[in-house]
Amino acid sequence: MIEQKIPMTTVSSVLERLRIKKHDNEFRMTPEGFTPGNHKYYQPEELKIIRTFRFEGESDPSDSSIIYLLEANDGLIGYSLDAYGVYSDHGDDGYDDFIRKIPVDERDEQQIFS
């Protein structure tokens, strides 16, 4: 089977590539930490940001978003999707502080998607 190359120029194209690679676990913020919805919770020291994708709408600033591609210490790979700038709406849930505490180990796209 020949793998179809999907350009990663939009949020939906990145999410589709993650789905194809079975890395489409969405980490969500909870009071217990980040969870991909499997009743497991991760703290910042148990995660690494392995790639960041930023998107800015050409005509609409509300289209500004970021995908953090995360790897947990148990090997699970997933993502966290966030709006940034004035449209970030986390309030007091601690998301911004949490994401800043996650160490960055930036990897090349080929390492992740090949």
N, C-alpha and C. Protein backbone atom coordinates (compact mmCIF):
# COMPACT_ATOMS: atom_id res chain seq x y z
N MET A 1 0.83 -1.18 0.00
CA MET A 1 0.00 0.00 0.00
C MET A 1 0.88 1.24 0.00
N ILE A 2 0.60 2.16 -0.88
CA ILE A 2 1.34 3.42 -0.95
C ILE A 2 0.65 4.42 -0.04
N GLU A 3 1.46 5.00 0.85
CA GLU A 3 0.89 5.98 1.78
C GLU A 3 0.61 7.28 1.04
N GLN A 4 -0.59 7.78 1.21
CA GLN A 4 -0.97 9.04 0.58
C GLN A 4 -0.36 10.18 1.38
N LYS A 5 0.32 11.08 0.69
CA LYS A 5 0.90 12.24 1.36
C LYS A 5 -0.17 13.32 1.50
N ILE A 6 -0.40 13.73 2.71
CA ILE A 6 -1.36 14.79 3.00
C ILE A 6 -0.58 16.00 3.47
N PRO A 7 -0.66 17.12 2.73
CA PRO A 7 0.07 18.30 3.19
C PRO A 7 -0.50 18.79 4.52
N MET A 8 0.39 19.16 5.43
CA MET A 8 -0.06 19.57 6.76
C MET A 8 -0.10 21.09 6.85
N THR A 9 -1.04 21.66 6.09
CA THR A 9 -1.15 23.11 6.04
C THR A 9 -2.40 23.62 6.76
N THR A 10 -3.25 22.70 7.21
CA THR A 10 -4.44 23.08 7.96
C THR A 10 -4.57 22.20 9.19
N VAL A 11 -5.39 22.64 10.13
CA VAL A 11 -5.63 21.84 11.33
C VAL A 11 -6.19 20.48 10.94
N SER A 12 -7.17 20.47 10.04
CA SER A 12 -7.79 19.20 9.66
C SER A 12 -6.80 18.27 8.96
N SER A 13 -5.85 18.79 8.20
CA SER A 13 -4.87 17.92 7.54
C SER A 13 -3.92 17.28 8.56
N VAL A 14 -3.53 18.02 9.59
CA VAL A 14 -2.68 17.45 10.64
C VAL A 14 -3.46 16.39 11.41
N LEU A 15 -4.70 16.68 11.76
CA LEU A 15 -5.51 15.71 12.50
C LEU A 15 -5.74 14.45 11.67
N GLU A 16 -5.88 14.59 10.37
CA GLU A 16 -6.05 13.42 9.51
C GLU A 16 -4.77 12.58 9.48
N ARG A 17 -3.63 13.21 9.39
CA ARG A 17 -2.36 12.46 9.41
C ARG A 17 -2.20 11.73 10.75
N LEU A 18 -2.59 12.38 11.84
CA LEU A 18 -2.52 11.73 13.16
C LEU A 18 -3.47 10.53 13.22
N ARG A 19 -4.66 10.68 12.64
CA ARG A 19 -5.63 9.58 12.62
C ARG A 19 -5.06 8.39 11.85
N ILE A 20 -4.47 8.65 10.71
CA ILE A 20 -3.90 7.58 9.89
C ILE A 20 -2.81 6.83 10.66
N LYS A 21 -1.99 7.55 11.42
CA LYS A 21 -0.90 6.93 12.18
C LYS A 21 -1.37 6.41 13.55
N LYS A 22 -2.65 6.51 13.82
CA LYS A 22 -3.24 6.07 15.10
C LYS A 22 -2.67 6.86 16.29
N HIS A 23 -2.38 8.13 16.04
CA HIS A 23 -1.90 9.04 17.09
C HIS A 23 -2.96 10.11 17.37
N ASP A 24 -4.22 9.79 17.14
CA ASP A 24 -5.27 10.80 17.26
C ASP A 24 -5.93 10.81 18.63
N ASN A 25 -5.13 10.58 19.67
CA ASN A 25 -5.61 10.67 21.05
C ASN A 25 -5.60 12.14 21.46
N GLU A 26 -6.76 12.69 21.75
CA GLU A 26 -6.81 14.11 22.15
C GLU A 26 -6.66 14.23 23.66
N PHE A 27 -5.59 14.88 24.07
CA PHE A 27 -5.37 15.16 25.49
C PHE A 27 -6.21 16.37 25.88
N ARG A 28 -7.00 16.21 26.93
CA ARG A 28 -7.84 17.30 27.43
C ARG A 28 -7.45 17.63 28.87
N MET A 29 -7.60 18.89 29.21
CA MET A 29 -7.26 19.36 30.55
C MET A 29 -8.38 19.00 31.52
N THR A 30 -8.00 18.41 32.65
CA THR A 30 -8.93 18.13 33.74
C THR A 30 -8.25 18.56 35.04
N PRO A 31 -8.95 18.61 36.14
CA PRO A 31 -8.30 18.94 37.42
C PRO A 31 -7.20 17.94 37.79
N GLU A 32 -7.29 16.70 37.29
CA GLU A 32 -6.29 15.68 37.60
C GLU A 32 -5.08 15.71 36.68
N GLY A 33 -5.14 16.48 35.58
CA GLY A 33 -4.06 16.56 34.60
C GLY A 33 -4.60 16.36 33.20
N PHE A 34 -3.71 16.13 32.25
CA PHE A 34 -4.12 15.86 30.87
C PHE A 34 -4.59 14.42 30.76
N THR A 35 -5.70 14.21 30.07
CA THR A 35 -6.18 12.85 29.84
C THR A 35 -6.59 12.68 28.39
N PRO A 36 -6.26 11.52 27.82
CA PRO A 36 -6.74 11.19 26.48
C PRO A 36 -8.10 10.50 26.54
N GLY A 37 -8.74 10.50 27.70
CA GLY A 37 -10.07 9.93 27.85
C GLY A 37 -10.09 8.46 28.17
N ASN A 38 -8.96 7.90 28.57
CA ASN A 38 -8.91 6.47 28.88
C ASN A 38 -8.78 6.22 30.38
N HIS A 39 -9.22 7.18 31.18
CA HIS A 39 -9.15 7.11 32.65
C HIS A 39 -7.72 7.15 33.16
N LYS A 40 -6.80 7.62 32.33
CA LYS A 40 -5.42 7.80 32.74
C LYS A 40 -5.13 9.29 32.67
N TYR A 41 -4.38 9.77 33.65
CA TYR A 41 -4.08 11.20 33.73
C TYR A 41 -2.57 11.39 33.78
N TYR A 42 -2.11 12.40 33.07
CA TYR A 42 -0.67 12.68 32.98
C TYR A 42 -0.37 14.06 33.54
N GLN A 43 0.76 14.15 34.22
CA GLN A 43 1.29 15.40 34.72
C GLN A 43 2.35 15.90 33.72
N PRO A 44 2.73 17.18 33.77
CA PRO A 44 3.68 17.71 32.79
C PRO A 44 4.97 16.91 32.69
N GLU A 45 5.48 16.42 33.80
CA GLU A 45 6.75 15.68 33.79
C GLU A 45 6.61 14.30 33.15
N GLU A 46 5.38 13.86 32.88
CA GLU A 46 5.14 12.57 32.24
C GLU A 46 4.91 12.71 30.73
N LEU A 47 5.02 13.94 30.23
CA LEU A 47 4.76 14.24 28.83
C LEU A 47 5.94 14.98 28.21
N LYS A 48 6.01 14.93 26.88
CA LYS A 48 6.95 15.73 26.10
C LYS A 48 6.19 16.31 24.92
N ILE A 49 6.47 17.57 24.60
CA ILE A 49 5.96 18.15 23.36
C ILE A 49 6.96 17.76 22.28
N ILE A 50 6.50 16.95 21.31
CA ILE A 50 7.44 16.47 20.29
C ILE A 50 7.30 17.22 18.96
N ARG A 51 6.24 18.00 18.81
CA ARG A 51 6.08 18.81 17.61
C ARG A 51 4.99 19.83 17.87
N THR A 52 5.14 20.99 17.28
CA THR A 52 4.15 22.05 17.41
C THR A 52 3.76 22.52 16.01
N PHE A 53 2.48 22.65 15.78
CA PHE A 53 1.96 23.16 14.51
C PHE A 53 1.14 24.41 14.81
N ARG A 54 1.50 25.52 14.19
CA ARG A 54 0.76 26.77 14.38
C ARG A 54 0.03 27.13 13.09
N PHE A 55 -1.19 27.62 13.26
CA PHE A 55 -2.00 28.01 12.12
C PHE A 55 -2.57 29.40 12.38
N GLU A 56 -2.46 30.26 11.38
CA GLU A 56 -3.01 31.61 11.50
C GLU A 56 -3.93 31.84 10.31
N GLY A 57 -5.15 32.22 10.62
CA GLY A 57 -6.10 32.51 9.55
C GLY A 57 -5.67 33.73 8.78
N GLU A 58 -5.73 33.64 7.46
CA GLU A 58 -5.28 34.76 6.62
C GLU A 58 -6.21 35.95 6.74
N SER A 59 -7.50 35.70 6.91
CA SER A 59 -8.44 36.82 6.95
C SER A 59 -9.17 36.94 8.28
N ASP A 60 -9.07 35.94 9.13
CA ASP A 60 -9.83 35.95 10.37
C ASP A 60 -8.92 35.56 11.53
N PRO A 61 -8.61 36.50 12.44
CA PRO A 61 -7.73 36.18 13.56
C PRO A 61 -8.28 35.10 14.48
N SER A 62 -9.59 34.84 14.42
CA SER A 62 -10.15 33.78 15.26
C SER A 62 -9.72 32.39 14.77
N ASP A 63 -9.11 32.32 13.59
CA ASP A 63 -8.62 31.04 13.07
C ASP A 63 -7.25 30.68 13.61
N SER A 64 -6.70 31.47 14.51
CA SER A 64 -5.38 31.19 15.06
C SER A 64 -5.47 30.03 16.04
N SER A 65 -4.74 28.96 15.73
CA SER A 65 -4.75 27.80 16.61
C SER A 65 -3.40 27.12 16.60
N ILE A 66 -3.22 26.24 17.56
CA ILE A 66 -1.96 25.53 17.70
C ILE A 66 -2.28 24.08 18.09
N ILE A 67 -1.53 23.17 17.50
CA ILE A 67 -1.62 21.76 17.87
C ILE A 67 -0.29 21.40 18.53
N TYR A 68 -0.37 20.93 19.77
CA TYR A 68 0.80 20.40 20.45
C TYR A 68 0.75 18.89 20.28
N LEU A 69 1.74 18.31 19.65
CA LEU A 69 1.84 16.87 19.54
C LEU A 69 2.62 16.38 20.75
N LEU A 70 2.01 15.50 21.52
CA LEU A 70 2.56 15.07 22.81
C LEU A 70 2.87 13.59 22.82
N GLU A 71 3.94 13.23 23.54
CA GLU A 71 4.24 11.83 23.80
C GLU A 71 4.33 11.64 25.30
N ALA A 72 3.58 10.66 25.80
CA ALA A 72 3.59 10.35 27.23
C ALA A 72 4.74 9.39 27.54
N ASN A 73 5.09 9.31 28.81
CA ASN A 73 6.20 8.45 29.22
C ASN A 73 5.92 6.96 29.00
N ASP A 74 4.67 6.60 28.73
CA ASP A 74 4.34 5.20 28.43
C ASP A 74 4.26 4.94 26.92
N GLY A 75 4.66 5.95 26.11
CA GLY A 75 4.70 5.80 24.65
C GLY A 75 3.47 6.27 23.91
N LEU A 76 2.39 6.60 24.62
CA LEU A 76 1.18 7.08 23.97
C LEU A 76 1.45 8.43 23.30
N ILE A 77 1.06 8.56 22.05
CA ILE A 77 1.20 9.81 21.32
C ILE A 77 -0.18 10.36 21.03
N GLY A 78 -0.34 11.64 21.23
CA GLY A 78 -1.61 12.31 20.98
C GLY A 78 -1.37 13.80 20.80
N TYR A 79 -2.44 14.56 20.93
CA TYR A 79 -2.33 15.99 20.68
C TYR A 79 -3.23 16.78 21.62
N SER A 80 -2.93 18.06 21.70
CA SER A 80 -3.80 19.01 22.37
C SER A 80 -3.98 20.18 21.41
N LEU A 81 -5.21 20.53 21.13
CA LEU A 81 -5.54 21.61 20.20
C LEU A 81 -5.97 22.82 21.00
N ASP A 82 -5.43 23.98 20.64
CA ASP A 82 -5.71 25.19 21.40
C ASP A 82 -5.83 26.38 20.46
N ALA A 83 -6.73 27.29 20.79
CA ALA A 83 -6.74 28.60 20.15
C ALA A 83 -5.71 29.44 20.89
N TYR A 84 -5.07 30.36 20.22
CA TYR A 84 -4.13 31.20 20.95
C TYR A 84 -4.39 32.66 20.65
N GLY A 85 -3.71 33.49 21.43
CA GLY A 85 -3.93 34.92 21.32
C GLY A 85 -5.18 35.31 22.09
N VAL A 86 -5.86 36.32 21.61
CA VAL A 86 -7.03 36.84 22.32
C VAL A 86 -8.19 35.85 22.34
N TYR A 87 -8.15 34.82 21.49
CA TYR A 87 -9.25 33.87 21.42
C TYR A 87 -9.05 32.64 22.30
N SER A 88 -7.94 32.57 23.02
CA SER A 88 -7.72 31.48 23.94
C SER A 88 -8.71 31.64 25.10
N ASP A 89 -9.42 30.59 25.42
CA ASP A 89 -10.52 30.73 26.40
C ASP A 89 -10.39 29.78 27.58
N HIS A 90 -9.18 29.59 28.07
CA HIS A 90 -9.01 28.65 29.16
C HIS A 90 -9.42 29.19 30.52
N GLY A 91 -9.46 30.48 30.66
CA GLY A 91 -9.85 31.02 31.95
C GLY A 91 -8.92 30.54 33.04
N ASP A 92 -9.48 29.99 34.09
CA ASP A 92 -8.70 29.56 35.24
C ASP A 92 -8.51 28.05 35.32
N ASP A 93 -8.60 27.34 34.18
CA ASP A 93 -8.49 25.88 34.25
C ASP A 93 -7.04 25.39 34.38
N GLY A 94 -6.06 26.29 34.29
CA GLY A 94 -4.67 25.91 34.46
C GLY A 94 -3.98 25.39 33.21
N TYR A 95 -4.69 25.39 32.07
CA TYR A 95 -4.12 24.85 30.83
C TYR A 95 -2.81 25.54 30.45
N ASP A 96 -2.82 26.86 30.44
CA ASP A 96 -1.62 27.60 30.01
C ASP A 96 -0.41 27.27 30.89
N ASP A 97 -0.59 27.25 32.20
CA ASP A 97 0.52 26.91 33.10
C ASP A 97 0.95 25.47 32.90
N PHE A 98 -0.01 24.57 32.71
CA PHE A 98 0.28 23.15 32.53
C PHE A 98 1.13 22.94 31.27
N ILE A 99 0.69 23.51 30.15
CA ILE A 99 1.39 23.29 28.88
C ILE A 99 2.80 23.88 28.92
N ARG A 100 2.99 24.98 29.64
CA ARG A 100 4.33 25.59 29.76
C ARG A 100 5.29 24.70 30.54
N LYS A 101 4.79 23.85 31.41
CA LYS A 101 5.64 22.99 32.22
C LYS A 101 6.07 21.71 31.49
N ILE A 102 5.44 21.42 30.36
CA ILE A 102 5.79 20.20 29.62
C ILE A 102 7.10 20.44 28.87
N PRO A 103 8.10 19.58 29.07
CA PRO A 103 9.36 19.75 28.35
C PRO A 103 9.17 19.55 26.85
N VAL A 104 10.01 20.25 26.09
CA VAL A 104 9.95 20.18 24.63
C VAL A 104 11.11 19.32 24.13
N ASP A 105 10.78 18.36 23.28
CA ASP A 105 11.76 17.50 22.63
C ASP A 105 11.36 17.44 21.16
N GLU A 106 11.50 18.58 20.48
CA GLU A 106 11.02 18.75 19.10
C GLU A 106 11.63 17.70 18.18
N ARG A 107 10.76 17.04 17.41
CA ARG A 107 11.20 16.02 16.46
C ARG A 107 10.80 16.43 15.05
N ASP A 108 11.51 15.92 14.11
CA ASP A 108 11.22 16.15 12.70
C ASP A 108 9.93 15.41 12.34
N GLU A 109 9.16 15.97 11.43
CA GLU A 109 7.90 15.34 11.01
C GLU A 109 8.13 13.93 10.48
N GLN A 110 9.24 13.70 9.81
CA GLN A 110 9.52 12.38 9.26
C GLN A 110 9.66 11.33 10.38
N GLN A 111 10.22 11.72 11.51
CA GLN A 111 10.34 10.79 12.63
C GLN A 111 8.96 10.40 13.17
N ILE A 112 8.03 11.31 13.12
CA ILE A 112 6.71 11.09 13.70
C ILE A 112 5.77 10.41 12.72
N PHE A 113 5.80 10.83 11.46
CA PHE A 113 4.80 10.39 10.50
C PHE A 113 5.27 9.34 9.50
N SER A 114 6.52 8.90 9.60
CA SER A 114 6.96 7.88 8.63
C SER A 114 6.77 6.48 9.17
